[in-house]
C-alpha atoms as a PDB file:
ATOM      1  CA  MET A   1     161.723 131.086 163.554  1.00  0.00           C
ATOM      2  CA  GLU A   2     164.888 133.176 163.667  1.00  0.00           C
ATOM      3  CA  GLU A   3     166.519 134.566 160.554  1.00  0.00           C
ATOM      4  CA  LEU A   4     170.231 134.248 161.202  1.00  0.00           C
ATOM      5  CA  HIS A   5     171.584 136.061 158.204  1.00  0.00           C
ATOM      6  CA  LYS A   6     171.429 136.720 154.506  1.00  0.00           C
ATOM      7  CA  CYS A   7     174.648 135.544 152.946  1.00  0.00           C
ATOM      8  CA  ARG A   8     176.155 136.415 149.585  1.00  0.00           C
ATOM      9  CA  ASN A   9     178.689 134.020 148.108  1.00  0.00           C
ATOM     10  CA  GLN A  10     180.570 133.518 144.842  1.00  0.00           C
ATOM     11  CA  GLN A  11     177.561 133.940 142.557  1.00  0.00           C
ATOM     12  CA  THR A  12     176.388 136.962 144.611  1.00  0.00           C
ATOM     13  CA  THR A  13     173.228 134.965 145.337  1.00  0.00           C
ATOM     14  CA  THR A  14     171.568 135.694 148.663  1.00  0.00           C
ATOM     15  CA  ILE A  15     171.002 132.663 150.905  1.00  0.00           C
ATOM     16  CA  ILE A  16     168.602 133.130 153.788  1.00  0.00           C
ATOM     17  CA  THR A  17     169.335 130.903 156.785  1.00  0.00           C
ATOM     18  CA  ARG A  18     166.548 130.402 159.316  1.00  0.00           C
ATOM     19  CA  LEU A  19     167.110 128.606 162.601  1.00  0.00           C
ATOM     20  CA  HIS A  20     164.146 127.113 164.406  1.00  0.00           C
ATOM     21  CA  ARG A  21     164.326 125.772 167.954  1.00  0.00           C
ATOM     22  CA  SER A  22     161.535 123.183 167.991  1.00  0.00           C
ATOM     23  CA  LEU A  23     158.860 121.822 165.710  1.00  0.00           C
ATOM     24  CA  HIS A  24     156.569 121.315 168.692  1.00  0.00           C
ATOM     25  CA  ASP A  25     155.313 124.881 168.882  1.00  0.00           C
ATOM     26  CA  GLU A  26     153.036 127.234 166.998  1.00  0.00           C
ATOM     27  CA  GLU A  27     155.737 128.074 164.461  1.00  0.00           C
ATOM     28  CA  ALA A  28     155.887 124.494 163.166  1.00  0.00           C
ATOM     29  CA  ASN A  29     153.280 125.162 160.499  1.00  0.00           C
ATOM     30  CA  GLN A  30     155.273 128.113 159.214  1.00  0.00           C
ATOM     31  CA  PHE A  31     158.497 126.098 159.223  1.00  0.00           C
ATOM     32  CA  PHE A  32     156.883 123.220 157.318  1.00  0.00           C
ATOM     33  CA  ARG A  33     154.583 125.255 155.114  1.00  0.00           C
ATOM     34  CA  ILE A  34     154.170 123.623 151.696  1.00  0.00           C
ATOM     35  CA  ASP A  35     152.143 125.274 148.957  1.00  0.00           C
ATOM     36  CA  GLU A  36     150.099 123.388 146.383  1.00  0.00           C
ATOM     37  CA  GLN A  37     152.598 124.012 143.610  1.00  0.00           C
ATOM     38  CA  ASP A  38     155.723 123.048 145.540  1.00  0.00           C
ATOM     39  CA  PHE A  39     157.692 119.990 144.461  1.00  0.00           C
ATOM     40  CA  CYS A  40     159.084 118.218 147.524  1.00  0.00           C
ATOM     41  CA  VAL A  41     161.630 115.434 147.991  1.00  0.00           C
ATOM     42  CA  VAL A  42     162.126 113.525 151.247  1.00  0.00           C
ATOM     43  CA  ASP A  43     164.646 110.975 152.470  1.00  0.00           C
ATOM     44  CA  THR A  44     162.786 107.692 152.903  1.00  0.00           C
ATOM     45  CA  ARG A  45     164.114 107.280 156.441  1.00  0.00           C
ATOM     46  CA  LEU A  46     162.336 110.416 157.646  1.00  0.00           C
ATOM     47  CA  LYS A  47     159.007 108.788 156.877  1.00  0.00           C
ATOM     48  CA  GLN A  48     159.954 106.033 159.309  1.00  0.00           C
ATOM     49  CA  TYR A  49     161.435 108.238 162.033  1.00  0.00           C
ATOM     50  CA  PHE A  50     158.733 110.942 161.997  1.00  0.00           C
ATOM     51  CA  PRO A  51     155.409 109.273 161.160  1.00  0.00           C
ATOM     52  CA  GLU A  52     153.584 112.163 162.870  1.00  0.00           C
ATOM     53  CA  TYR A  53     154.367 114.218 159.749  1.00  0.00           C
ATOM     54  CA  ALA A  54     152.857 111.689 157.365  1.00  0.00           C
ATOM     55  CA  HIS A  55     150.551 114.400 156.002  1.00  0.00           C
ATOM     56  CA  ILE A  56     153.679 116.198 154.764  1.00  0.00           C
ATOM     57  CA  TRP A  57     155.644 113.169 153.580  1.00  0.00           C
ATOM     58  CA  GLU A  58     152.735 111.917 151.472  1.00  0.00           C
ATOM     59  CA  ARG A  59     153.111 115.023 149.323  1.00  0.00           C
ATOM     60  CA  CYS A  60     156.827 114.356 148.768  1.00  0.00           C
ATOM     61  CA  TYR A  61     158.740 112.209 146.310  1.00  0.00           C
ATOM     62  CA  SER A  62     160.755 109.666 148.323  1.00  0.00           C
ATOM     63  CA  ILE A  63     164.411 108.800 147.703  1.00  0.00           C
ATOM     64  CA  SER A  64     166.789 106.822 149.912  1.00  0.00           C
ATOM     65  CA  GLY A  65     169.550 109.199 150.990  1.00  0.00           C
ATOM     66  CA  GLY A  66     173.228 108.550 151.426  1.00  0.00           C
ATOM     67  CA  GLU A  67     176.185 108.832 149.083  1.00  0.00           C
ATOM     68  CA  LYS A  68     174.804 106.200 146.697  1.00  0.00           C
ATOM     69  CA  CYS A  69     171.871 108.423 145.738  1.00  0.00           C
ATOM     70  CA  LYS A  70     174.193 110.965 144.065  1.00  0.00           C
ATOM     71  CA  SER A  71     174.218 109.123 140.735  1.00  0.00           C
ATOM     72  CA  ILE A  72     173.459 110.201 137.189  1.00  0.00           C
ATOM     73  CA  ASP A  73     170.645 107.625 137.086  1.00  0.00           C
ATOM     74  CA  ARG A  74     168.914 109.375 139.963  1.00  0.00           C
ATOM     75  CA  VAL A  75     169.367 112.719 138.206  1.00  0.00           C
ATOM     76  CA  PHE A  76     167.516 111.463 135.121  1.00  0.00           C
ATOM     77  CA  GLU A  77     164.870 109.943 137.392  1.00  0.00           C
ATOM     78  CA  LEU A  78     164.219 113.367 138.923  1.00  0.00           C
ATOM     79  CA  TYR A  79     164.177 114.978 135.473  1.00  0.00           C
ATOM     80  CA  SER A  80     161.434 112.573 134.473  1.00  0.00           C
ATOM     81  CA  VAL A  81     159.427 113.039 137.665  1.00  0.00           C
ATOM     82  CA  ILE A  82     159.436 116.820 137.727  1.00  0.00           C
ATOM     83  CA  HIS A  83     158.694 117.208 134.009  1.00  0.00           C
ATOM     84  CA  SER A  84     155.731 114.847 134.297  1.00  0.00           C
ATOM     85  CA  LEU A  85     154.086 116.791 137.121  1.00  0.00           C
ATOM     86  CA  PRO A  86     150.510 117.918 136.373  1.00  0.00           C
ATOM     87  CA  TYR A  87     151.439 121.442 137.452  1.00  0.00           C
ATOM     88  CA  GLN A  88     154.292 123.886 136.948  1.00  0.00           C
ATOM     89  CA  PRO A  89     156.236 123.887 140.242  1.00  0.00           C
ATOM     90  CA  LYS A  90     156.965 127.239 141.847  1.00  0.00           C
ATOM     91  CA  ARG A  91     159.679 126.036 144.219  1.00  0.00           C
ATOM     92  CA  VAL A  92     161.470 122.869 145.357  1.00  0.00           C
ATOM     93  CA  ARG A  93     161.827 121.701 148.963  1.00  0.00           C
ATOM     94  CA  VAL A  94     164.251 118.983 150.110  1.00  0.00           C
ATOM     95  CA  PHE A  95     164.015 117.175 153.466  1.00  0.00           C
ATOM     96  CA  GLY A  96     167.167 115.128 153.976  1.00  0.00           C
ATOM     97  CA  GLY A  97     170.922 115.012 154.411  1.00  0.00           C
ATOM     98  CA  GLY A  98     173.727 116.507 152.384  1.00  0.00           C
ATOM     99  CA  ALA A  99     173.828 113.787 149.717  1.00  0.00           C
ATOM    100  CA  LEU A 100     170.120 114.150 148.918  1.00  0.00           C
ATOM    101  CA  GLN A 101     170.496 117.934 148.843  1.00  0.00           C
ATOM    102  CA  ASP A 102     173.351 117.569 146.352  1.00  0.00           C
ATOM    103  CA  LEU A 103     171.299 115.255 144.139  1.00  0.00           C
ATOM    104  CA  VAL A 104     168.199 117.452 144.032  1.00  0.00           C
ATOM    105  CA  GLY A 105     170.200 120.674 143.821  1.00  0.00           C
ATOM    106  CA  TYR A 106     172.194 119.361 140.868  1.00  0.00           C
ATOM    107  CA  SER A 107     169.069 118.069 139.129  1.00  0.00           C
ATOM    108  CA  MET A 108     167.159 121.327 139.525  1.00  0.00           C
ATOM    109  CA  ALA A 109     170.117 123.533 138.593  1.00  0.00           C
ATOM    110  CA  THR A 110     170.561 121.617 135.331  1.00  0.00           C
ATOM    111  CA  SER A 111     166.896 121.415 134.394  1.00  0.00           C
ATOM    112  CA  MET A 112     164.927 124.223 136.074  1.00  0.00           C
ATOM    113  CA  PRO A 113     167.553 126.647 137.405  1.00  0.00           C
ATOM    114  CA  ASP A 114     165.052 129.449 138.093  1.00  0.00           C
ATOM    115  CA  LEU A 115     163.111 127.465 140.696  1.00  0.00           C
ATOM    116  CA  PRO A 116     163.855 128.558 144.297  1.00  0.00           C
ATOM    117  CA  LEU A 117     165.357 125.676 146.278  1.00  0.00           C
ATOM    118  CA  ILE A 118     164.608 125.415 150.011  1.00  0.00           C
ATOM    119  CA  LEU A 119     166.703 122.932 152.003  1.00  0.00           C
ATOM    120  CA  TYR A 120     165.706 121.296 155.306  1.00  0.00           C
ATOM    121  CA  PRO A 121     168.853 119.527 156.599  1.00  0.00           C
ATOM    122  CA  THR A 122     167.960 116.537 158.755  1.00  0.00           C
ATOM    123  CA  THR A 123     171.271 114.789 159.562  1.00  0.00           C
ATOM    124  CA  PRO A 124     173.971 115.959 162.002  1.00  0.00           C
ATOM    125  CA  GLY A 125     176.468 116.645 159.218  1.00  0.00           C
ATOM    126  CA  SER A 126     174.068 118.545 156.974  1.00  0.00           C
ATOM    127  CA  ILE A 127     172.712 120.595 159.885  1.00  0.00           C
ATOM    128  CA  PHE A 128     176.213 121.703 160.887  1.00  0.00           C
ATOM    129  CA  MET A 129     177.524 122.195 157.332  1.00  0.00           C
ATOM    130  CA  GLY A 130     174.579 123.973 155.719  1.00  0.00           C
ATOM    131  CA  HIS A 131     175.012 124.556 152.005  1.00  0.00           C
ATOM    132  CA  TYR A 132     176.911 127.753 151.284  1.00  0.00           C
ATOM    133  CA  SER A 133     179.496 126.439 148.833  1.00  0.00           C
ATOM    134  CA  GLY A 134     177.848 127.701 145.651  1.00  0.00           C
ATOM    135  CA  ARG A 135     177.806 124.280 144.010  1.00  0.00           C
ATOM    136  CA  PHE A 136     175.967 120.972 143.887  1.00  0.00           C
ATOM    137  CA  SER A 137     177.799 117.780 142.953  1.00  0.00           C
ATOM    138  CA  ILE A 138     177.103 114.179 142.008  1.00  0.00           C
ATOM    139  CA  ASN A 139     179.380 111.149 141.947  1.00  0.00           C
ATOM    140  CA  TRP A 140     180.701 109.447 138.833  1.00  0.00           C
ATOM    141  CA  ASP A 141     182.556 106.175 138.326  1.00  0.00           C
ATOM    142  CA  ARG A 142     182.513 105.576 142.106  1.00  0.00           C
ATOM    143  CA  LYS A 143     184.383 108.828 142.647  1.00  0.00           C
ATOM    144  CA  LYS A 144     182.991 111.510 144.931  1.00  0.00           C
ATOM    145  CA  ASP A 145     181.731 114.837 143.546  1.00  0.00           C
ATOM    146  CA  ARG A 146     183.201 114.390 140.060  1.00  0.00           C
ATOM    147  CA  ILE A 147     180.438 116.357 138.287  1.00  0.00           C
ATOM    148  CA  THR A 148     179.579 119.791 139.641  1.00  0.00           C
ATOM    149  CA  VAL A 149     177.246 122.651 138.769  1.00  0.00           C
ATOM    150  CA  GLN A 150     177.414 126.120 140.282  1.00  0.00           C
ATOM    151  CA  ALA A 151     174.173 127.012 142.036  1.00  0.00           C
ATOM    152  CA  ASN A 152     172.790 127.959 145.444  1.00  0.00           C
ATOM    153  CA  PRO A 153     169.738 127.226 147.542  1.00  0.00           C
ATOM    154  CA  ALA A 154     167.434 130.170 148.131  1.00  0.00           C
ATOM    155  CA  GLU A 155     166.948 129.266 151.772  1.00  0.00           C
ATOM    156  CA  LEU A 156     168.157 126.947 154.537  1.00  0.00           C
ATOM    157  CA  ARG A 157     165.679 125.994 157.252  1.00  0.00           C
ATOM    158  CA  ILE A 158     167.436 124.360 160.175  1.00  0.00           C
ATOM    159  CA  ASP A 159     165.940 122.692 163.219  1.00  0.00           C
ATOM    160  CA  PRO A 160     167.848 120.435 165.666  1.00  0.00           C
ATOM    161  CA  PHE A 161     164.530 118.685 166.346  1.00  0.00           C
ATOM    162  CA  PHE A 162     165.399 116.298 163.528  1.00  0.00           C
ATOM    163  CA  LEU A 163     168.346 115.045 165.594  1.00  0.00           C
ATOM    164  CA  GLN A 164     166.595 114.263 168.855  1.00  0.00           C
ATOM    165  CA  ASP A 165     165.990 110.615 167.953  1.00  0.00           C
ATOM    166  CA  HIS A 166     169.546 110.076 166.745  1.00  0.00           C
ATOM    167  CA  PRO A 167     171.741 107.839 168.947  1.00  0.00           C
ATOM    168  CA  LEU A 168     174.264 109.670 171.106  1.00  0.00           C
ATOM    169  CA  GLN A 169     177.179 108.247 169.111  1.00  0.00           C
ATOM    170  CA  SER A 170     175.796 109.799 165.934  1.00  0.00           C
ATOM    171  CA  LEU A 171     175.525 113.174 167.670  1.00  0.00           C
ATOM    172  CA  ARG A 172     179.011 112.774 169.123  1.00  0.00           C
ATOM    173  CA  THR A 173     180.530 112.273 165.668  1.00  0.00           C
ATOM    174  CA  SER A 174     178.870 115.491 164.469  1.00  0.00           C
ATOM    175  CA  PHE A 175     181.276 117.506 166.630  1.00  0.00           C
ATOM    176  CA  ILE A 176     183.927 116.938 163.961  1.00  0.00           C
ATOM    177  CA  TYR A 177     182.184 119.623 161.861  1.00  0.00           C
ATOM    178  CA  PRO A 178     182.327 122.570 164.295  1.00  0.00           C
ATOM    179  CA  ALA A 179     185.790 121.451 165.434  1.00  0.00           C
ATOM    180  CA  ARG A 180     187.278 121.632 161.941  1.00  0.00           C
ATOM    181  CA  LEU A 181     185.490 124.967 161.347  1.00  0.00           C
ATOM    182  CA  GLY A 182     187.049 126.367 164.505  1.00  0.00           C
ATOM    183  CA  LEU A 183     190.457 125.000 163.515  1.00  0.00           C
ATOM    184  CA  ALA A 184     190.186 126.957 160.275  1.00  0.00           C
ATOM    185  CA  MET A 185     188.681 130.227 161.489  1.00  0.00           C
ATOM    186  CA  ASP A 186     188.273 130.734 165.231  1.00  0.00           C
ATOM    187  CA  ASP A 187     190.402 129.276 168.040  1.00  0.00           C
ATOM    188  CA  ARG A 188     187.772 130.194 170.664  1.00  0.00           C
ATOM    189  CA  PHE A 189     185.087 128.311 168.768  1.00  0.00           C
ATOM    190  CA  PHE A 190     187.420 125.329 168.365  1.00  0.00           C
ATOM    191  CA  ARG A 191     187.975 125.149 172.128  1.00  0.00           C
ATOM    192  CA  LEU A 192     184.253 125.539 172.730  1.00  0.00           C
ATOM    193  CA  SER A 193     183.532 122.639 170.356  1.00  0.00           C
ATOM    194  CA  VAL A 194     186.085 120.409 172.092  1.00  0.00           C
ATOM    195  CA  GLY A 195     184.507 121.254 175.444  1.00  0.00           C
ATOM    196  CA  PHE A 196     181.063 120.226 174.193  1.00  0.00           C
ATOM    197  CA  LEU A 197     182.599 117.062 172.735  1.00  0.00           C
ATOM    198  CA  ASN A 198     184.058 116.121 176.123  1.00  0.00           C
ATOM    199  CA  CYS A 199     180.587 116.454 177.634  1.00  0.00           C
ATOM    200  CA  ALA A 200     179.095 114.259 174.913  1.00  0.00           C
ATOM    201  CA  VAL A 201     181.807 111.643 175.469  1.00  0.00           C
ATOM    202  CA  ASN A 202     180.576 111.437 179.073  1.00  0.00           C
ATOM    203  CA  ASP A 203     176.978 111.053 177.848  1.00  0.00           C
ATOM    204  CA  LEU A 204     176.135 114.617 178.837  1.00  0.00           C
ATOM    205  CA  LEU A 205     174.530 116.391 175.888  1.00  0.00           C
ATOM    206  CA  ASP A 206     172.899 119.721 176.621  1.00  0.00           C
ATOM    207  CA  TRP A 207     170.467 120.599 173.820  1.00  0.00           C
ATOM    208  CA  ASP A 208     170.578 124.342 174.498  1.00  0.00           C
ATOM    209  CA  SER A 209     174.361 124.306 174.123  1.00  0.00           C
ATOM    210  CA  TYR A 210     174.096 122.099 171.038  1.00  0.00           C
ATOM    211  CA  PHE A 211     171.651 124.590 169.544  1.00  0.00           C
ATOM    212  CA  GLU A 212     174.065 127.472 170.162  1.00  0.00           C
ATOM    213  CA  LEU A 213     176.904 125.480 168.599  1.00  0.00           C
ATOM    214  CA  ILE A 214     174.813 125.076 165.444  1.00  0.00           C
ATOM    215  CA  ARG A 215     173.960 128.781 165.434  1.00  0.00           C
ATOM    216  CA  GLU A 216     177.603 129.845 165.702  1.00  0.00           C
ATOM    217  CA  SER A 217     178.670 127.296 163.060  1.00  0.00           C
ATOM    218  CA  HIS A 218     176.341 128.899 160.533  1.00  0.00           C
ATOM    219  CA  ARG A 219     177.533 132.389 161.347  1.00  0.00           C
ATOM    220  CA  LEU A 220     181.121 131.311 160.690  1.00  0.00           C
ATOM    221  CA  LEU A 221     180.178 129.413 157.530  1.00  0.00           C
ATOM    222  CA  ALA A 222     178.333 132.414 156.133  1.00  0.00           C
ATOM    223  CA  LYS A 223     181.332 134.614 156.928  1.00  0.00           C
ATOM    224  CA  ALA A 224     183.676 132.111 155.263  1.00  0.00           C
ATOM    225  CA  TYR A 225     181.763 131.862 152.018  1.00  0.00           C
ATOM    226  CA  GLU A 226     181.253 135.624 151.821  1.00  0.00           C
ATOM    227  CA  GLN A 227     185.061 135.756 151.943  1.00  0.00           C
ATOM    228  CA  LYS A 228     185.101 133.095 149.191  1.00  0.00           C
ATOM    229  CA  ILE A 229     186.642 130.426 151.405  1.00  0.00           C
ATOM    230  CA  VAL A 230     185.469 127.279 149.649  1.00  0.00           C
ATOM    231  CA  LEU A 231     187.838 124.651 151.081  1.00  0.00           C
ATOM    232  CA  PHE A 232     188.115 123.646 154.727  1.00  0.00           C
ATOM    233  CA  PRO A 233     190.592 121.429 156.602  1.00  0.00           C
ATOM    234  CA  GLY A 234     190.083 117.719 156.064  1.00  0.00           C
ATOM    235  CA  GLU A 235     187.888 118.007 152.968  1.00  0.00           C
ATOM    236  CA  SER A 236     190.488 117.254 150.286  1.00  0.00           C
ATOM    237  CA  MET A 237     191.788 114.143 151.991  1.00  0.00           C
ATOM    238  CA  ALA A 238     188.246 113.071 152.940  1.00  0.00           C
ATOM    239  CA  ASN A 239     187.302 112.915 149.253  1.00  0.00           C
ATOM    240  CA  TRP A 240     190.366 110.801 148.475  1.00  0.00           C
ATOM    241  CA  ILE A 241     189.496 108.464 151.351  1.00  0.00           C
ATOM    242  CA  MET A 242     185.897 108.176 150.137  1.00  0.00           C
ATOM    243  CA  ASN A 243     187.151 107.307 146.659  1.00  0.00           C
ATOM    244  CA  GLY A 244     189.608 104.797 148.086  1.00  0.00           C
ATOM    245  CA  SER A 245     186.730 103.053 149.853  1.00  0.00           C
ATOM    246  CA  GLY A 246     184.582 103.001 146.705  1.00  0.00           C
ATOM    247  CA  LEU A 247     182.176 105.460 148.417  1.00  0.00           C
ATOM    248  CA  GLN A 248     181.430 102.835 151.069  1.00  0.00           C
ATOM    249  CA  MET A 249     182.756 104.835 154.000  1.00  0.00           C
ATOM    250  CA  ASP A 250     180.621 107.228 156.023  1.00  0.00           C
ATOM    251  CA  TYR A 251     181.547 110.801 155.075  1.00  0.00           C
ATOM    252  CA  THR A 252     181.771 112.034 158.667  1.00  0.00           C
ATOM    253  CA  GLN A 253     184.310 109.315 159.404  1.00  0.00           C
ATOM    254  CA  ALA A 254     186.186 110.168 156.213  1.00  0.00           C
ATOM    255  CA  LEU A 255     186.278 113.838 157.222  1.00  0.00           C
ATOM    256  CA  GLY A 256     187.681 112.934 160.627  1.00  0.00           C
ATOM    257  CA  CYS A 257     190.362 110.782 158.999  1.00  0.00           C
ATOM    258  CA  GLY A 258     191.069 113.593 156.551  1.00  0.00           C
ATOM    259  CA  LEU A 259     191.681 116.041 159.392  1.00  0.00           C
ATOM    260  CA  VAL A 260     194.210 113.697 160.968  1.00  0.00           C
ATOM    261  CA  LEU A 261     196.046 112.982 157.709  1.00  0.00           C
ATOM    262  CA  GLU A 262     196.137 116.641 156.663  1.00  0.00           C
ATOM    263  CA  SER A 263     197.435 117.718 160.085  1.00  0.00           C
ATOM    264  CA  TYR A 264     200.176 115.094 159.683  1.00  0.00           C
ATOM    265  CA  LEU A 265     200.968 116.463 156.228  1.00  0.00           C
ATOM    266  CA  ALA A 266     201.080 120.020 157.610  1.00  0.00           C
ATOM    267  CA  TRP A 267     203.448 118.915 160.384  1.00  0.00           C
ATOM    268  CA  LYS A 268     205.824 117.180 157.985  1.00  0.00           C
ATOM    269  CA  LEU A 269     205.865 120.233 155.674  1.00  0.00           C
ATOM    270  CA  GLY A 270     206.595 122.615 158.544  1.00  0.00           C
ATOM    271  CA  ILE A 271     203.228 124.382 158.172  1.00  0.00           C
ATOM    272  CA  GLY A 272     201.713 122.934 161.329  1.00  0.00           C
ATOM    273  CA  ASN A 273     203.399 121.144 164.218  1.00  0.00           C
ATOM    274  CA  GLU A 274     203.483 117.821 166.022  1.00  0.00           C
ATOM    275  CA  LEU A 275     201.499 119.010 169.045  1.00  0.00           C
ATOM    276  CA  LEU A 276     198.597 120.067 166.831  1.00  0.00           C
ATOM    277  CA  PHE A 277     198.697 116.727 165.023  1.00  0.00           C
ATOM    278  CA  ARG A 278     198.579 114.867 168.332  1.00  0.00           C
ATOM    279  CA  GLU A 279     195.667 116.993 169.566  1.00  0.00           C
ATOM    280  CA  ILE A 280     193.664 116.336 166.394  1.00  0.00           C
ATOM    281  CA  ARG A 281     194.506 112.644 166.649  1.00  0.00           C
ATOM    282  CA  GLN A 282     193.169 112.612 170.205  1.00  0.00           C
ATOM    283  CA  ILE A 283     189.969 114.353 169.068  1.00  0.00           C
ATOM    284  CA  TRP A 284     189.556 111.595 166.473  1.00  0.00           C
ATOM    285  CA  GLY A 285     189.805 108.998 169.258  1.00  0.00           C
ATOM    286  CA  SER A 286     187.138 110.811 171.293  1.00  0.00           C
ATOM    287  CA  VAL A 287     184.738 111.233 168.383  1.00  0.00           C
ATOM    288  CA  PHE A 288     185.203 107.688 167.069  1.00  0.00           C
ATOM    289  CA  PRO A 289     186.163 105.550 170.093  1.00  0.00           C
ATOM    290  CA  GLU A 290     185.358 102.349 168.209  1.00  0.00           C
ATOM    291  CA  ALA A 291     188.024 103.267 165.625  1.00  0.00           C
ATOM    292  CA  LYS A 292     190.694 104.705 167.914  1.00  0.00           C
ATOM    293  CA  ASP A 293     193.463 102.819 166.091  1.00  0.00           C
ATOM    294  CA  LEU A 294     193.324 104.935 162.944  1.00  0.00           C
ATOM    295  CA  HIS A 295     195.788 102.847 160.954  1.00  0.00           C
ATOM    296  CA  SER A 296     193.818  99.630 161.436  1.00  0.00           C
ATOM    297  CA  PHE A 297     190.537 101.429 160.799  1.00  0.00           C
ATOM    298  CA  LEU A 298     191.694 102.860 157.460  1.00  0.00           C
ATOM    299  CA  TYR A 299     193.266  99.566 156.384  1.00  0.00           C
ATOM    300  CA  ALA A 300     189.868  97.922 156.924  1.00  0.00           C
ATOM    301  CA  GLN A 301     187.981 100.650 155.046  1.00  0.00           C
ATOM    302  CA  MET A 302     190.028 101.078 151.902  1.00  0.00           C
ATOM    303  CA  ASP A 303     192.768  99.631 149.722  1.00  0.00           C
ATOM    304  CA  LEU A 304     195.932 101.573 150.528  1.00  0.00           C
ATOM    305  CA  LEU A 305     197.475 100.937 147.109  1.00  0.00           C
ATOM    306  CA  THR A 306     194.348 102.285 145.410  1.00  0.00           C
ATOM    307  CA  PHE A 307     194.453 105.313 147.690  1.00  0.00           C
ATOM    308  CA  LEU A 308     198.111 106.016 146.875  1.00  0.00           C
ATOM    309  CA  SER A 309     197.653 105.367 143.157  1.00  0.00           C
ATOM    310  CA  MET A 310     194.964 108.064 142.988  1.00  0.00           C
ATOM    311  CA  VAL A 311     197.568 110.615 144.037  1.00  0.00           C
ATOM    312  CA  HIS A 312     199.280 110.041 140.690  1.00  0.00           C
ATOM    313  CA  GLU A 313     196.185 111.155 138.791  1.00  0.00           C
ATOM    314  CA  HIS A 314     197.115 114.791 139.451  1.00  0.00           C
ATOM    315  CA  ALA A 315     200.384 116.693 139.314  1.00  0.00           C
ATOM    316  CA  GLU A 316     199.453 118.596 142.465  1.00  0.00           C
ATOM    317  CA  MET A 317     196.721 118.679 145.095  1.00  0.00           C
ATOM    318  CA  THR A 318     195.094 121.589 146.947  1.00  0.00           C
ATOM    319  CA  PHE A 319     194.664 121.474 150.718  1.00  0.00           C
ATOM    320  CA  SER A 320     193.424 123.717 153.493  1.00  0.00           C
ATOM    321  CA  LEU A 321     196.161 123.103 156.062  1.00  0.00           C
ATOM    322  CA  ILE A 322     195.980 124.265 159.669  1.00  0.00           C
ATOM    323  CA  ILE A 323     198.814 126.503 160.803  1.00  0.00           C
ATOM    324  CA  ARG A 324     197.425 126.748 164.324  1.00  0.00           C
ATOM    325  CA  PRO A 325     193.880 126.645 165.747  1.00  0.00           C
ATOM    326  CA  GLY A 326     191.972 129.520 164.161  1.00  0.00           C
ATOM    327  CA  LYS A 327     194.326 129.989 161.216  1.00  0.00           C
ATOM    328  CA  HIS A 328     194.683 127.970 158.014  1.00  0.00           C
ATOM    329  CA  THR A 329     196.266 128.349 154.616  1.00  0.00           C
ATOM    330  CA  ILE A 330     195.196 127.136 151.173  1.00  0.00           C
ATOM    331  CA  THR A 331     198.203 125.561 149.525  1.00  0.00           C
ATOM    332  CA  LYS A 332     198.992 123.435 146.485  1.00  0.00           C
ATOM    333  CA  ILE A 333     201.335 120.496 147.068  1.00  0.00           C
ATOM    334  CA  GLN A 334     203.074 118.375 144.462  1.00  0.00           C
ATOM    335  CA  ALA A 335     201.715 114.839 144.258  1.00  0.00           C
ATOM    336  CA  PRO A 336     205.073 113.120 145.046  1.00  0.00           C
ATOM    337  CA  VAL A 337     205.277 115.102 148.299  1.00  0.00           C
ATOM    338  CA  VAL A 338     201.755 114.051 149.297  1.00  0.00           C
ATOM    339  CA  GLU A 339     202.566 110.419 148.452  1.00  0.00           C
ATOM    340  CA  TRP A 340     205.762 110.538 150.518  1.00  0.00           C
ATOM    341  CA  ALA A 341     203.900 111.901 153.562  1.00  0.00           C
ATOM    342  CA  MET A 342     201.122 109.312 153.282  1.00  0.00           C
ATOM    343  CA  ARG A 343     203.587 106.438 152.857  1.00  0.00           C
ATOM    344  CA  ASP A 344     205.391 107.721 155.926  1.00  0.00           C
ATOM    345  CA  PHE A 345     202.146 107.871 157.883  1.00  0.00           C
ATOM    346  CA  PHE A 346     200.930 104.405 156.888  1.00  0.00           C
ATOM    347  CA  LEU A 347     204.140 102.471 156.348  1.00  0.00           C
ATOM    348  CA  GLY A 348     206.838 104.339 158.291  1.00  0.00           C
ATOM    349  CA  GLN A 349     208.154 103.207 161.653  1.00  0.00           C
ATOM    350  CA  LEU A 350     205.868 105.516 163.593  1.00  0.00           C
ATOM    351  CA  HIS A 351     204.791 104.907 167.175  1.00  0.00           C
ATOM    352  CA  TRP A 352     202.291 107.122 168.948  1.00  0.00           C
ATOM    353  CA  GLU A 353     202.358 106.112 172.604  1.00  0.00           C
ATOM    354  CA  GLY A 354     199.658 107.878 174.532  1.00  0.00           C
ATOM    355  CA  VAL A 355     197.746 108.781 171.371  1.00  0.00           C
ATOM    356  CA  LYS A 356     196.164 105.527 170.205  1.00  0.00           C
END
């Protein structure tokens, strides 16, 4: 089990990231080691997908993952469970995706903040994103990440083994995460991610290359958060899209849509350019071939009027806009400007021959 790095972020808390190549070797016991006084939480779906680890799952408290689990009701449920344990827990372990990590992280940070939190990401998005942001969030009033607490995990334990039973389409969509990271920080890594995506589109997925892509993603993420970069391209608009869909949309899809819309905004403001917008739009079509017509896809997923009305809730919005691959800028934009650009995108007389 390889220790990638020890990362310090906004709270100067050290996060240890360990990358493990396969659970089918002698290091599996070390990777999965659970002590008697550990409190563990597992996504219910893992119990179905990996029954060979039933001896581990039976020691865990089960919760169905996904965006719906990030509710205040679930927080109070975890409060009740952990305070009724017959022992004083020494650490908390979470096996699941990003939403479950947010839920447990928020619950522990607001009830037992001194307990070390060890995260085992098990979905493509959570494995690529890690958790370096220095905060855990839950949803409120069907709005994404409205309540936030500042805290960090003590350790991330990452193994692509959890992805080997995922369908190829699910793995293909995960390339949106390294692609947007490369767009923000490293042009070479962006091109590398697009190259791997093209292989996946042709049903050619090399696990060694996928492993290296995960490794490099975490090195860049650790570097970003040490530099206090807490907002990446696509994230701001993705949250608005999630809210516009009533949290019904898959976050990876929302992030992909967010990248397209923010690159359009950057083009119209003279920060980015049309060629970059078209390239990102084409990446969207490769990652989500079933939703290549982005306009129709978004119309089906959310109420456009609700989406636009949410812009009026704030005087200005903060975005991480791409100047060119490998370079981005954090900028605040007045709400009327954002609304104008989005109305132009959705309702203007725009035609994108060769892109759809």
